Structures are given as structure tokens and as C-alpha cells.
């Protein structure tokens, strides 16, 4: 070894209108585990058998993948209060593509959080990482997520008995991003 160390990838920390995305840390284990075992949020997630400590260990292993730009896992945080309101993850990152998922929004989310967190995280994948394609898979029964992905004009590529698979090209995202930003910056009226 020559003594040179490989540079460590530092994920971008995007700030939006109502939200910011910050990289997951081991201290987030309790929050993430709580989301994953909460029946209000886990209906369409893979089954969790681990503990908070198991989640912490998973995050520590994940950080090794983050350091080499293979995965980015974010906590979605409210800009106005600093309160966590969800998670989103980019993984299977290659030079040209990534998989988007682990997307959970909890009851603390502000209005438009679904659109904003998606725009911000896809912006990282397409802009900061320079990828041209995102892949998304969703459980067949998750009708809200399926409708959301269709509203973004993602293309269904195939399905199994359990999952629907979508592709989202960078060109589609870039063509529509301005419209999404107009929606996000419009004053919210309950």
C-alpha cells in the first residue's frame, strides 16, 4: 500500500421549501426502527425482525457503502422544526442508474412532503450523482405509492404477484421538475 487513502464520498444535503434531507447516522436507529415496526407505516415494507441495536448495526454497515458511493440513506426532516418526518434511500448506485426506495413519511410531515422529498432525492440521483435512470419497485397493494409514481409519469416495466417495477428516466424528471417546483412554492391553503 502506498499510504494513499481512497477519498470518502460525502452525500449532498439538499434543502427544499419545507424539507431537508440529511444522511442517516447511527443515532437515527431508534427512529428508523420505530417507523419499520409501526403498523401505520409498515404494511408495504419487508418484515423486520431486528431490534434498535440491529438497526444501528445495519446503519454502521450502510455507512461503509455510502463512503464508496454505492448507497445514500436520508432522514427527511422538516425545515421549520427540525423534526424527522421520514426516510428515503438511493441504492444499487452505478455510473448510470440507481434504485430509489425505503421511502416512508410519518404523521409529522408537512403538506406536499411526498412531492418535495421525491423531487429532492431524485434530484440527488440525477443531478449530484449524474445518473440517467432510476428504478423503483412497489408492492402491488400500495395503491397510494403506485398512483404517485404514475403521477410522476414513471414507466411500468414489469410486475410480479408481489411487486410493480417502474423506471424513471432523467429526461422525464428534468422535463417536469419546473412544474413540481411551482407546485411546491405555491402557498399552501388548507
Protein backbone atom coordinates (compact mmCIF):
# COMPACT_ATOMS: atom_id res chain seq x y z
CA UNK A 1 0.00 0.00 0.00
CA UNK A 2 1.30 3.44 -0.88
CA UNK A 3 -0.25 5.22 2.07
CA UNK A 4 -2.87 6.90 -0.09
CA UNK A 5 -6.42 6.58 1.07
CA UNK A 6 -9.38 6.44 -1.24
CA UNK A 7 -11.48 9.61 -0.87
CA UNK A 8 -14.70 9.13 1.07
CA UNK A 9 -17.89 10.15 -0.70
CA UNK A 10 -19.84 12.81 1.18
CA UNK A 11 -23.54 12.80 0.28
CA UNK A 12 -25.14 16.11 -0.62
CA UNK A 13 -27.55 17.61 1.91
CA UNK A 14 -30.36 19.11 -0.17
CA UNK A 15 -32.61 21.75 1.33
CA UNK A 16 -36.03 22.31 -0.15
CA UNK A 17 -39.03 24.52 0.54
CA UNK A 18 -40.31 22.65 3.62
CA UNK A 19 -37.80 19.82 4.00
CA UNK A 20 -34.16 18.92 4.08
CA UNK A 21 -32.50 15.57 3.53
CA UNK A 22 -29.65 14.63 5.83
CA UNK A 23 -27.63 11.42 5.72
CA UNK A 24 -28.69 8.75 8.20
CA UNK A 25 -26.47 8.33 11.27
CA UNK A 26 -26.36 5.53 13.87
CA UNK A 27 -28.26 7.79 16.30
CA UNK A 28 -31.23 7.54 13.90
CA UNK A 29 -31.61 3.81 14.56
CA UNK A 30 -34.45 4.18 17.06
CA UNK A 31 -36.43 6.47 14.76
CA UNK A 32 -35.99 4.22 11.71
CA UNK A 33 -36.75 1.05 13.66
CA UNK A 34 -39.86 2.74 15.05
CA UNK A 35 -41.09 3.51 11.53
CA UNK A 36 -40.40 -0.01 10.31
CA UNK A 37 -42.29 -1.72 13.12
CA UNK A 38 -45.19 0.77 13.22
CA UNK A 39 -48.28 -0.83 11.69
CA UNK A 40 -49.38 2.56 10.37
CA UNK A 41 -46.32 2.64 8.08
CA UNK A 42 -45.08 -0.92 7.54
CA UNK A 43 -47.92 -2.59 5.66
CA UNK A 44 -45.99 -2.48 2.37
CA UNK A 45 -42.46 -2.95 3.76
CA UNK A 46 -40.38 -6.07 4.14
CA UNK A 47 -40.82 -7.71 7.52
CA UNK A 48 -38.48 -6.51 10.30
CA UNK A 49 -37.08 -8.93 12.84
CA UNK A 50 -34.23 -6.85 14.23
CA UNK A 51 -34.04 -4.62 17.29
CA UNK A 52 -32.96 -0.99 17.58
CA UNK A 53 -29.41 -2.27 18.11
CA UNK A 54 -29.74 -4.39 14.97
CA UNK A 55 -30.85 -1.29 13.06
CA UNK A 56 -27.87 0.64 14.45
CA UNK A 57 -25.51 -2.12 13.26
CA UNK A 58 -27.18 -2.06 9.82
CA UNK A 59 -26.64 1.72 9.63
CA UNK A 60 -22.97 1.31 10.52
CA UNK A 61 -22.56 -1.26 7.72
CA UNK A 62 -24.54 1.01 5.38
CA UNK A 63 -22.10 3.87 6.06
CA UNK A 64 -19.35 1.74 4.52
CA UNK A 65 -21.42 1.52 1.32
CA UNK A 66 -22.11 5.25 1.48
CA UNK A 67 -18.39 6.02 1.77
CA UNK A 68 -17.80 4.36 -1.61
CA UNK A 69 -20.88 5.94 -3.27
CA UNK A 70 -22.94 2.76 -3.50
CA UNK A 71 -25.86 3.95 -1.40
CA UNK A 72 -27.29 7.09 0.21
CA UNK A 73 -29.86 6.83 3.00
CA UNK A 74 -31.54 10.02 4.14
CA UNK A 75 -33.64 11.14 7.05
CA UNK A 76 -36.32 13.51 5.77
CA UNK A 77 -36.50 16.42 8.18
CA UNK A 78 -38.87 19.38 8.46
CA UNK A 79 -37.05 22.67 7.79
CA UNK A 80 -39.28 24.64 10.14
CA UNK A 81 -38.91 22.45 13.24
CA UNK A 82 -36.01 20.08 12.61
CA UNK A 83 -38.34 17.17 13.36
CA UNK A 84 -37.80 13.91 11.48
CA UNK A 85 -40.70 13.02 9.22
CA UNK A 86 -39.44 10.15 7.09
CA UNK A 87 -36.74 8.31 5.20
CA UNK A 88 -35.67 7.78 1.60
CA UNK A 89 -32.79 5.80 0.13
CA UNK A 90 -30.86 5.65 -3.14
CA UNK A 91 -29.10 2.30 -3.55
CA UNK A 92 -27.64 -0.01 -6.19
CA UNK A 93 -25.91 3.15 -7.44
CA UNK A 94 -23.89 2.71 -10.62
CA UNK A 95 -22.41 5.23 -13.03
CA UNK A 96 -25.72 5.43 -14.90
CA UNK A 97 -28.53 4.33 -12.56
CA UNK A 98 -29.84 3.91 -9.04
CA UNK A 99 -32.73 2.30 -7.24
CA UNK A 100 -34.99 4.60 -5.24
CA UNK A 101 -36.85 3.32 -2.18
CA UNK A 102 -37.12 2.94 1.60
CA UNK A 103 -39.47 5.90 1.29
CA UNK A 104 -41.56 6.40 4.40
CA UNK A 105 -43.31 9.59 5.50
CA UNK A 106 -44.75 9.75 9.00
CA UNK A 107 -47.54 11.83 10.55
CA UNK A 108 -45.15 14.73 11.24
CA UNK A 109 -44.75 15.50 7.54
CA UNK A 110 -45.74 18.94 6.25
CA UNK A 111 -48.08 19.41 3.28
CA UNK A 112 -46.56 18.41 -0.07
CA UNK A 113 -43.87 16.30 1.66
CA UNK A 114 -44.33 13.39 -0.74
CA UNK A 115 -43.65 15.50 -3.81
CA UNK A 116 -40.88 17.52 -2.18
CA UNK A 117 -38.97 14.56 -0.77
CA UNK A 118 -39.22 12.78 -4.14
CA UNK A 119 -38.05 15.84 -6.09
CA UNK A 120 -35.14 16.37 -3.71
CA UNK A 121 -33.98 12.76 -3.65
CA UNK A 122 -34.39 12.19 -7.39
CA UNK A 123 -32.50 15.48 -7.81
CA UNK A 124 -29.58 13.93 -5.92
CA UNK A 125 -29.63 10.82 -8.10
CA UNK A 126 -29.95 12.61 -11.41
CA UNK A 127 -28.08 15.82 -10.59
CA UNK A 128 -25.43 15.18 -7.96
CA UNK A 129 -24.73 11.56 -8.94
CA UNK A 130 -25.22 12.17 -12.68
CA UNK A 131 -27.35 9.06 -13.23
CA UNK A 132 -29.72 8.76 -16.18
CA UNK A 133 -32.21 6.23 -14.83
CA UNK A 134 -33.95 5.48 -11.55
CA UNK A 135 -35.65 2.17 -10.83
CA UNK A 136 -38.47 1.90 -8.33
CA UNK A 137 -40.35 -1.13 -7.06
CA UNK A 138 -43.52 -1.02 -5.04
CA UNK A 139 -45.82 -3.60 -3.52
CA UNK A 140 -48.88 -4.29 -5.69
CA UNK A 141 -51.24 -3.36 -2.85
CA UNK A 142 -49.62 0.02 -2.16
CA UNK A 143 -52.16 1.95 -4.22
CA UNK A 144 -51.12 5.38 -2.90
CA UNK A 145 -47.49 4.90 -3.94
CA UNK A 146 -48.47 3.36 -7.30
CA UNK A 147 -50.71 6.36 -8.03
CA UNK A 148 -47.95 8.75 -7.00
CA UNK A 149 -45.40 7.06 -9.30
CA UNK A 150 -47.88 7.13 -12.15
CA UNK A 151 -48.49 10.86 -11.49
CA UNK A 152 -44.75 11.39 -12.00
CA UNK A 153 -45.19 9.56 -15.32
CA UNK A 154 -42.87 6.72 -14.41
CA UNK A 155 -42.98 3.78 -16.81
CA UNK A 156 -44.10 0.41 -15.52
CA UNK A 157 -41.59 -2.14 -16.81
CA UNK A 158 -42.99 -5.35 -15.32
CA UNK A 159 -44.73 -6.84 -12.32
CA UNK A 160 -44.79 -9.94 -10.20
CA UNK A 161 -47.51 -11.19 -7.89
CA UNK A 162 -45.94 -9.04 -5.16
CA UNK A 163 -44.30 -6.01 -6.82
CA UNK A 164 -44.66 -3.49 -9.64
CA UNK A 165 -41.42 -2.19 -11.18
CA UNK A 166 -41.06 1.28 -12.64
CA UNK A 167 -38.33 3.16 -14.50
CA UNK A 168 -37.94 6.90 -14.21
CA UNK A 169 -35.60 8.45 -16.78
CA UNK A 170 -33.64 11.58 -16.01
CA UNK A 171 -35.10 13.31 -19.09
CA UNK A 172 -38.66 12.83 -17.78
CA UNK A 173 -37.70 14.19 -14.33
CA UNK A 174 -35.90 17.19 -15.81
CA UNK A 175 -38.81 17.98 -18.15
CA UNK A 176 -41.27 18.01 -15.24
CA UNK A 177 -39.13 19.42 -12.42
CA UNK A 178 -40.07 23.05 -13.07
CA UNK A 179 -43.77 22.22 -12.74
CA UNK A 180 -43.11 20.35 -9.49
CA UNK A 181 -41.24 23.35 -8.12
CA UNK A 182 -44.18 25.62 -8.98
CA UNK A 183 -46.46 23.29 -7.00
CA UNK A 184 -44.06 23.27 -4.05
CA UNK A 185 -43.61 27.02 -3.92
CA UNK A 186 -47.30 27.83 -4.27
CA UNK A 187 -48.73 29.00 -0.95
CA UNK A 188 -50.49 26.18 0.86
CA UNK A 189 -54.13 26.86 1.77
CA UNK A 190 -55.79 24.23 3.98
